[in-house]
Amino acid sequence: EPSAVDAAASTKRATPQHPSHDLPDEPLVII
């Protein structure tokens, strides 16, 4: 049981967490 917990924690650390890239309400640059 401890080994399984460690493997799950290691997998969680190895997988990067991608934050959500929501578009802003207004454009950043207006030409």
PDB file of all heavy atoms in Angstrom:
ATOM      1  N   GLU A   1       0.805  -1.221   0.000  1.00  0.00           N
ATOM      2  CA  GLU A   1       0.000   0.000   0.000  1.00  0.00           C
ATOM      3  C   GLU A   1       0.838   1.272   0.000  1.00  0.00           C
ATOM      4  O   GLU A   1       0.577   2.193  -0.781  1.00  0.00           O
ATOM      5  CB  GLU A   1      -0.952  -0.017   1.197  1.00  0.00           C
ATOM      6  CG  GLU A   1      -1.912   1.170   1.210  1.00  0.00           C
ATOM      7  CD  GLU A   1      -2.905   1.070   2.356  1.00  0.00           C
ATOM      8  OE1 GLU A   1      -2.873   0.050   3.084  1.00  0.00           O
ATOM      9  OE2 GLU A   1      -3.701   2.007   2.497  1.00  0.00           O
ATOM     10  N   PRO A   2       1.899   1.396   0.777  1.00  0.00           N
ATOM     11  CA  PRO A   2       2.708   2.623   0.712  1.00  0.00           C
ATOM     12  C   PRO A   2       3.349   2.827  -0.655  1.00  0.00           C
ATOM     13  O   PRO A   2       3.475   3.940  -1.150  1.00  0.00           O
ATOM     14  CB  PRO A   2       3.742   2.416   1.802  1.00  0.00           C
ATOM     15  CG  PRO A   2       3.131   1.442   2.732  1.00  0.00           C
ATOM     16  CD  PRO A   2       2.352   0.513   1.856  1.00  0.00           C
ATOM     17  N   SER A   3       3.762   1.705  -1.297  1.00  0.00           N
ATOM     18  CA  SER A   3       4.398   1.834  -2.613  1.00  0.00           C
ATOM     19  C   SER A   3       3.416   2.380  -3.651  1.00  0.00           C
ATOM     20  O   SER A   3       3.759   3.192  -4.507  1.00  0.00           O
ATOM     21  CB  SER A   3       4.918   0.477  -3.069  1.00  0.00           C
ATOM     22  OG  SER A   3       5.873   0.002  -2.144  1.00  0.00           O
ATOM     23  N   ALA A   4       2.203   1.910  -3.588  1.00  0.00           N
ATOM     24  CA  ALA A   4       1.181   2.403  -4.514  1.00  0.00           C
ATOM     25  C   ALA A   4       0.917   3.886  -4.303  1.00  0.00           C
ATOM     26  O   ALA A   4       0.742   4.655  -5.251  1.00  0.00           O
ATOM     27  CB  ALA A   4      -0.103   1.592  -4.345  1.00  0.00           C
ATOM     28  N   VAL A   5       0.898   4.293  -3.043  1.00  0.00           N
ATOM     29  CA  VAL A   5       0.680   5.710  -2.750  1.00  0.00           C
ATOM     30  C   VAL A   5       1.821   6.562  -3.267  1.00  0.00           C
ATOM     31  O   VAL A   5       1.640   7.625  -3.856  1.00  0.00           O
ATOM     32  CB  VAL A   5       0.486   5.902  -1.237  1.00  0.00           C
ATOM     33  CG1 VAL A   5       0.424   7.393  -0.898  1.00  0.00           C
ATOM     34  CG2 VAL A   5      -0.775   5.195  -0.766  1.00  0.00           C
ATOM     35  N   ASP A   6       3.075   6.044  -3.086  1.00  0.00           N
ATOM     36  CA  ASP A   6       4.245   6.785  -3.566  1.00  0.00           C
ATOM     37  C   ASP A   6       4.247   6.894  -5.087  1.00  0.00           C
ATOM     38  O   ASP A   6       4.599   7.934  -5.646  1.00  0.00           O
ATOM     39  CB  ASP A   6       5.541   6.106  -3.100  1.00  0.00           C
ATOM     40  CG  ASP A   6       5.699   6.173  -1.578  1.00  0.00           C
ATOM     41  OD1 ASP A   6       5.026   7.051  -0.974  1.00  0.00           O
ATOM     42  OD2 ASP A   6       6.473   5.370  -1.023  1.00  0.00           O
ATOM     43  N   ALA A   7       3.859   5.778  -5.754  1.00  0.00           N
ATOM     44  CA  ALA A   7       3.825   5.803  -7.225  1.00  0.00           C
ATOM     45  C   ALA A   7       2.784   6.792  -7.729  1.00  0.00           C
ATOM     46  O   ALA A   7       3.011   7.515  -8.699  1.00  0.00           O
ATOM     47  CB  ALA A   7       3.530   4.395  -7.751  1.00  0.00           C
ATOM     48  N   ALA A   8       1.633   6.836  -7.064  1.00  0.00           N
ATOM     49  CA  ALA A   8       0.593   7.781  -7.457  1.00  0.00           C
ATOM     50  C   ALA A   8       1.045   9.222  -7.254  1.00  0.00           C
ATOM     51  O   ALA A   8       0.799  10.111  -8.091  1.00  0.00           O
ATOM     52  CB  ALA A   8      -0.687   7.501  -6.684  1.00  0.00           C
ATOM     53  N   ALA A   9       1.754   9.455  -6.138  1.00  0.00           N
ATOM     54  CA  ALA A   9       2.259  10.809  -5.867  1.00  0.00           C
ATOM     55  C   ALA A   9       3.324  11.209  -6.864  1.00  0.00           C
ATOM     56  O   ALA A   9       3.388  12.348  -7.329  1.00  0.00           O
ATOM     57  CB  ALA A   9       2.807  10.878  -4.435  1.00  0.00           C
ATOM     58  N   SER A  10       4.183  10.203  -7.225  1.00  0.00           N
ATOM     59  CA  SER A  10       5.234  10.494  -8.206  1.00  0.00           C
ATOM     60  C   SER A  10       4.647  10.807  -9.571  1.00  0.00           C
ATOM     61  O   SER A  10       5.107  11.719 -10.264  1.00  0.00           O
ATOM     62  CB  SER A  10       6.180   9.288  -8.300  1.00  0.00           C
ATOM     63  OG  SER A  10       7.147   9.510  -9.293  1.00  0.00           O
ATOM     64  N   THR A  11       3.622  10.020  -9.939  1.00  0.00           N
ATOM     65  CA  THR A  11       2.964  10.281 -11.222  1.00  0.00           C
ATOM     66  C   THR A  11       2.302  11.650 -11.227  1.00  0.00           C
ATOM     67  O   THR A  11       2.337  12.376 -12.223  1.00  0.00           O
ATOM     68  CB  THR A  11       1.925   9.194 -11.497  1.00  0.00           C
ATOM     69  OG1 THR A  11       2.562   7.924 -11.452  1.00  0.00           O
ATOM     70  CG2 THR A  11       1.265   9.405 -12.849  1.00  0.00           C
ATOM     71  N   LYS A  12       1.742  12.022 -10.135  1.00  0.00           N
ATOM     72  CA  LYS A  12       1.091  13.329 -10.028  1.00  0.00           C
ATOM     73  C   LYS A  12       2.086  14.461 -10.155  1.00  0.00           C
ATOM     74  O   LYS A  12       1.836  15.477 -10.793  1.00  0.00           O
ATOM     75  CB  LYS A  12       0.341  13.410  -8.692  1.00  0.00           C
ATOM     76  CG  LYS A  12      -0.460  14.708  -8.533  1.00  0.00           C
ATOM     77  CD  LYS A  12      -1.239  14.693  -7.242  1.00  0.00           C
ATOM     78  CE  LYS A  12      -2.054  15.974  -7.105  1.00  0.00           C
ATOM     79  NZ  LYS A  12      -2.819  15.997  -5.845  1.00  0.00           N
ATOM     80  N   ARG A  13       3.326  14.222  -9.534  1.00  0.00           N
ATOM     81  CA  ARG A  13       4.345  15.267  -9.650  1.00  0.00           C
ATOM     82  C   ARG A  13       4.905  15.339 -11.059  1.00  0.00           C
ATOM     83  O   ARG A  13       5.250  16.401 -11.562  1.00  0.00           O
ATOM     84  CB  ARG A  13       5.474  14.992  -8.657  1.00  0.00           C
ATOM     85  CG  ARG A  13       5.088  15.263  -7.210  1.00  0.00           C
ATOM     86  CD  ARG A  13       6.322  15.291  -6.335  1.00  0.00           C
ATOM     87  NE  ARG A  13       7.061  14.028  -6.402  1.00  0.00           N
ATOM     88  CZ  ARG A  13       6.841  13.001  -5.567  1.00  0.00           C
ATOM     89  NH1 ARG A  13       5.903  13.098  -4.621  1.00  0.00           N
ATOM     90  NH2 ARG A  13       7.527  11.888  -5.687  1.00  0.00           N
ATOM     91  N   ALA A  14       4.981  14.214 -11.764  1.00  0.00           N
ATOM     92  CA  ALA A  14       5.559  14.188 -13.107  1.00  0.00           C
ATOM     93  C   ALA A  14       4.631  14.783 -14.150  1.00  0.00           C
ATOM     94  O   ALA A  14       5.064  15.252 -15.181  1.00  0.00           O
ATOM     95  CB  ALA A  14       5.918  12.749 -13.499  1.00  0.00           C
ATOM     96  N   THR A  15       3.344  14.739 -13.885  1.00  0.00           N
ATOM     97  CA  THR A  15       2.383  15.271 -14.851  1.00  0.00           C
ATOM     98  C   THR A  15       2.183  16.758 -14.608  1.00  0.00           C
ATOM     99  O   THR A  15       1.727  17.162 -13.544  1.00  0.00           O
ATOM    100  CB  THR A  15       1.038  14.541 -14.724  1.00  0.00           C
ATOM    101  OG1 THR A  15       1.255  13.144 -14.884  1.00  0.00           O
ATOM    102  CG2 THR A  15       0.050  15.050 -15.770  1.00  0.00           C
ATOM    103  N   PRO A  16       2.585  17.618 -15.565  1.00  0.00           N
ATOM    104  CA  PRO A  16       2.420  19.071 -15.353  1.00  0.00           C
ATOM    105  C   PRO A  16       0.956  19.456 -15.369  1.00  0.00           C
ATOM    106  O   PRO A  16       0.158  18.918 -16.112  1.00  0.00           O
ATOM    107  CB  PRO A  16       3.176  19.683 -16.542  1.00  0.00           C
ATOM    108  CG  PRO A  16       3.124  18.625 -17.593  1.00  0.00           C
ATOM    109  CD  PRO A  16       3.150  17.302 -16.860  1.00  0.00           C
ATOM    110  N   GLN A  17       0.657  20.367 -14.553  1.00  0.00           N
ATOM    111  CA  GLN A  17      -0.701  20.882 -14.483  1.00  0.00           C
ATOM    112  C   GLN A  17      -0.823  22.095 -15.415  1.00  0.00           C
ATOM    113  O   GLN A  17      -0.138  23.093 -15.235  1.00  0.00           O
ATOM    114  CB  GLN A  17      -1.048  21.289 -13.032  1.00  0.00           C
ATOM    115  CG  GLN A  17      -0.990  20.129 -12.061  1.00  0.00           C
ATOM    116  CD  GLN A  17      -2.042  19.085 -12.377  1.00  0.00           C
ATOM    117  OE1 GLN A  17      -3.165  19.434 -12.725  1.00  0.00           O
ATOM    118  NE2 GLN A  17      -1.681  17.820 -12.258  1.00  0.00           N
ATOM    119  N   HIS A  18      -1.659  21.993 -16.465  1.00  0.00           N
ATOM    120  CA  HIS A  18      -1.832  23.067 -17.431  1.00  0.00           C
ATOM    121  C   HIS A  18      -2.967  23.978 -16.982  1.00  0.00           C
ATOM    122  O   HIS A  18      -4.109  23.519 -16.884  1.00  0.00           O
ATOM    123  CB  HIS A  18      -2.159  22.497 -18.817  1.00  0.00           C
ATOM    124  CG  HIS A  18      -1.041  21.661 -19.365  1.00  0.00           C
ATOM    125  ND1 HIS A  18       0.106  22.202 -19.879  1.00  0.00           N
ATOM    126  CD2 HIS A  18      -0.907  20.309 -19.459  1.00  0.00           C
ATOM    127  CE1 HIS A  18       0.903  21.241 -20.286  1.00  0.00           C
ATOM    128  NE2 HIS A  18       0.311  20.082 -20.031  1.00  0.00           N
ATOM    129  N   PRO A  19      -2.646  25.199 -16.715  1.00  0.00           N
ATOM    130  CA  PRO A  19      -3.746  26.108 -16.352  1.00  0.00           C
ATOM    131  C   PRO A  19      -4.620  26.395 -17.565  1.00  0.00           C
ATOM    132  O   PRO A  19      -4.188  26.313 -18.707  1.00  0.00           O
ATOM    133  CB  PRO A  19      -3.008  27.381 -15.893  1.00  0.00           C
ATOM    134  CG  PRO A  19      -1.699  27.333 -16.609  1.00  0.00           C
ATOM    135  CD  PRO A  19      -1.340  25.869 -16.718  1.00  0.00           C
ATOM    136  N   SER A  20      -5.844  26.714 -17.349  1.00  0.00           N
ATOM    137  CA  SER A  20      -6.780  27.003 -18.436  1.00  0.00           C
ATOM    138  C   SER A  20      -6.437  28.357 -19.062  1.00  0.00           C
ATOM    139  O   SER A  20      -6.180  29.331 -18.361  1.00  0.00           O
ATOM    140  CB  SER A  20      -8.217  27.033 -17.898  1.00  0.00           C
ATOM    141  OG  SER A  20      -8.336  28.029 -16.897  1.00  0.00           O
ATOM    142  N   HIS A  21      -6.387  28.387 -20.405  1.00  0.00           N
ATOM    143  CA  HIS A  21      -6.063  29.620 -21.137  1.00  0.00           C
ATOM    144  C   HIS A  21      -7.359  30.193 -21.708  1.00  0.00           C
ATOM    145  O   HIS A  21      -7.648  30.040 -22.890  1.00  0.00           O
ATOM    146  CB  HIS A  21      -5.054  29.333 -22.244  1.00  0.00           C
ATOM    147  CG  HIS A  21      -3.719  28.872 -21.734  1.00  0.00           C
ATOM    148  ND1 HIS A  21      -2.798  29.723 -21.186  1.00  0.00           N
ATOM    149  CD2 HIS A  21      -3.169  27.634 -21.681  1.00  0.00           C
ATOM    150  CE1 HIS A  21      -1.715  29.051 -20.828  1.00  0.00           C
ATOM    151  NE2 HIS A  21      -1.922  27.774 -21.115  1.00  0.00           N
ATOM    152  N   ASP A  22      -8.097  30.840 -20.921  1.00  0.00           N
ATOM    153  CA  ASP A  22      -9.325  31.470 -21.377  1.00  0.00           C
ATOM    154  C   ASP A  22      -8.994  32.801 -22.048  1.00  0.00           C
ATOM    155  O   ASP A  22      -8.128  33.562 -21.591  1.00  0.00           O
ATOM    156  CB  ASP A  22     -10.279  31.699 -20.204  1.00  0.00           C
ATOM    157  CG  ASP A  22     -10.727  30.382 -19.577  1.00  0.00           C
ATOM    158  OD1 ASP A  22     -10.759  29.385 -20.322  1.00  0.00           O
ATOM    159  OD2 ASP A  22     -11.025  30.371 -18.376  1.00  0.00           O
ATOM    160  N   LEU A  23      -9.677  33.092 -23.149  1.00  0.00           N
ATOM    161  CA  LEU A  23      -9.464  34.348 -23.841  1.00  0.00           C
ATOM    162  C   LEU A  23      -9.979  35.503 -23.008  1.00  0.00           C
ATOM    163  O   LEU A  23     -11.022  35.392 -22.353  1.00  0.00           O
ATOM    164  CB  LEU A  23     -10.170  34.333 -25.202  1.00  0.00           C
ATOM    165  CG  LEU A  23      -9.611  33.338 -26.224  1.00  0.00           C
ATOM    166  CD1 LEU A  23     -10.487  33.373 -27.480  1.00  0.00           C
ATOM    167  CD2 LEU A  23      -8.181  33.669 -26.560  1.00  0.00           C
ATOM    168  N   PRO A  24      -9.256  36.619 -23.013  1.00  0.00           N
ATOM    169  CA  PRO A  24      -9.750  37.773 -22.236  1.00  0.00           C
ATOM    170  C   PRO A  24     -10.996  38.354 -22.873  1.00  0.00           C
ATOM    171  O   PRO A  24     -11.292  38.129 -24.042  1.00  0.00           O
ATOM    172  CB  PRO A  24      -8.564  38.758 -22.307  1.00  0.00           C
ATOM    173  CG  PRO A  24      -7.826  38.380 -23.548  1.00  0.00           C
ATOM    174  CD  PRO A  24      -7.987  36.882 -23.666  1.00  0.00           C
ATOM    175  N   ASP A  25     -11.706  39.090 -22.062  1.00  0.00           N
ATOM    176  CA  ASP A  25     -12.933  39.707 -22.556  1.00  0.00           C
ATOM    177  C   ASP A  25     -12.653  40.772 -23.607  1.00  0.00           C
ATOM    178  O   ASP A  25     -13.453  41.003 -24.505  1.00  0.00           O
ATOM    179  CB  ASP A  25     -13.717  40.336 -21.391  1.00  0.00           C
ATOM    180  CG  ASP A  25     -14.184  39.270 -20.396  1.00  0.00           C
ATOM    181  OD1 ASP A  25     -14.361  38.112 -20.831  1.00  0.00           O
ATOM    182  OD2 ASP A  25     -14.351  39.606 -19.219  1.00  0.00           O
ATOM    183  N   GLU A  26     -11.503  41.450 -23.518  1.00  0.00           N
ATOM    184  CA  GLU A  26     -11.129  42.482 -24.474  1.00  0.00           C
ATOM    185  C   GLU A  26      -9.796  42.129 -25.114  1.00  0.00           C
ATOM    186  O   GLU A  26      -8.957  41.491 -24.479  1.00  0.00           O
ATOM    187  CB  GLU A  26     -11.035  43.856 -23.779  1.00  0.00           C
ATOM    188  CG  GLU A  26     -12.351  44.332 -23.184  1.00  0.00           C
ATOM    189  CD  GLU A  26     -12.215  45.700 -22.553  1.00  0.00           C
ATOM    190  OE1 GLU A  26     -11.068  46.211 -22.539  1.00  0.00           O
ATOM    191  OE2 GLU A  26     -13.222  46.241 -22.089  1.00  0.00           O
ATOM    192  N   PRO A  27      -9.563  42.534 -26.379  1.00  0.00           N
ATOM    193  CA  PRO A  27      -8.287  42.229 -27.035  1.00  0.00           C
ATOM    194  C   PRO A  27      -7.121  42.929 -26.345  1.00  0.00           C
ATOM    195  O   PRO A  27      -7.258  44.048 -25.827  1.00  0.00           O
ATOM    196  CB  PRO A  27      -8.489  42.749 -28.459  1.00  0.00           C
ATOM    197  CG  PRO A  27      -9.593  43.751 -28.352  1.00  0.00           C
ATOM    198  CD  PRO A  27     -10.485  43.251 -27.249  1.00  0.00           C
ATOM    199  N   LEU A  28      -5.973  42.232 -26.303  1.00  0.00           N
ATOM    200  CA  LEU A  28      -4.791  42.806 -25.676  1.00  0.00           C
ATOM    201  C   LEU A  28      -4.171  43.899 -26.534  1.00  0.00           C
ATOM    202  O   LEU A  28      -3.627  44.873 -26.026  1.00  0.00           O
ATOM    203  CB  LEU A  28      -3.756  41.708 -25.410  1.00  0.00           C
ATOM    204  CG  LEU A  28      -4.219  40.579 -24.479  1.00  0.00           C
ATOM    205  CD1 LEU A  28      -3.124  39.534 -24.342  1.00  0.00           C
ATOM    206  CD2 LEU A  28      -4.606  41.120 -23.114  1.00  0.00           C
ATOM    207  N   VAL A  29      -4.209  43.724 -27.860  1.00  0.00           N
ATOM    208  CA  VAL A  29      -3.628  44.692 -28.791  1.00  0.00           C
ATOM    209  C   VAL A  29      -4.654  45.020 -29.854  1.00  0.00           C
ATOM    210  O   VAL A  29      -5.278  44.119 -30.422  1.00  0.00           O
ATOM    211  CB  VAL A  29      -2.346  44.145 -29.453  1.00  0.00           C
ATOM    212  CG1 VAL A  29      -1.797  45.165 -30.450  1.00  0.00           C
ATOM    213  CG2 VAL A  29      -1.299  43.813 -28.403  1.00  0.00           C
ATOM    214  N   ILE A  30      -4.847  46.277 -30.118  1.00  0.00           N
ATOM    215  CA  ILE A  30      -5.768  46.733 -31.147  1.00  0.00           C
ATOM    216  C   ILE A  30      -4.959  47.480 -32.199  1.00  0.00           C
ATOM    217  O   ILE A  30      -4.267  48.452 -31.883  1.00  0.00           O
ATOM    218  CB  ILE A  30      -6.853  47.658 -30.577  1.00  0.00           C
ATOM    219  CG1 ILE A  30      -7.666  46.924 -29.496  1.00  0.00           C
ATOM    220  CG2 ILE A  30      -7.775  48.159 -31.687  1.00  0.00           C
ATOM    221  CD1 ILE A  30      -8.698  47.788 -28.835  1.00  0.00           C
ATOM    222  N   ILE A  31      -5.017  47.010 -33.449  1.00  0.00           N
ATOM    223  CA  ILE A  31      -4.337  47.674 -34.551  1.00  0.00           C
ATOM    224  C   ILE A  31      -5.324  48.621 -35.210  1.00  0.00           C
ATOM    225  O   ILE A  31      -6.323  48.191 -35.774  1.00  0.00           O
ATOM    226  CB  ILE A  31      -3.813  46.654 -35.578  1.00  0.00           C
ATOM    227  CG1 ILE A  31      -2.847  45.680 -34.902  1.00  0.00           C
ATOM    228  CG2 ILE A  31      -3.136  47.360 -36.740  1.00  0.00           C
ATOM    229  CD1 ILE A  31      -2.358  44.581 -35.821  1.00  0.00           C
TER     230      ILE A  31
END
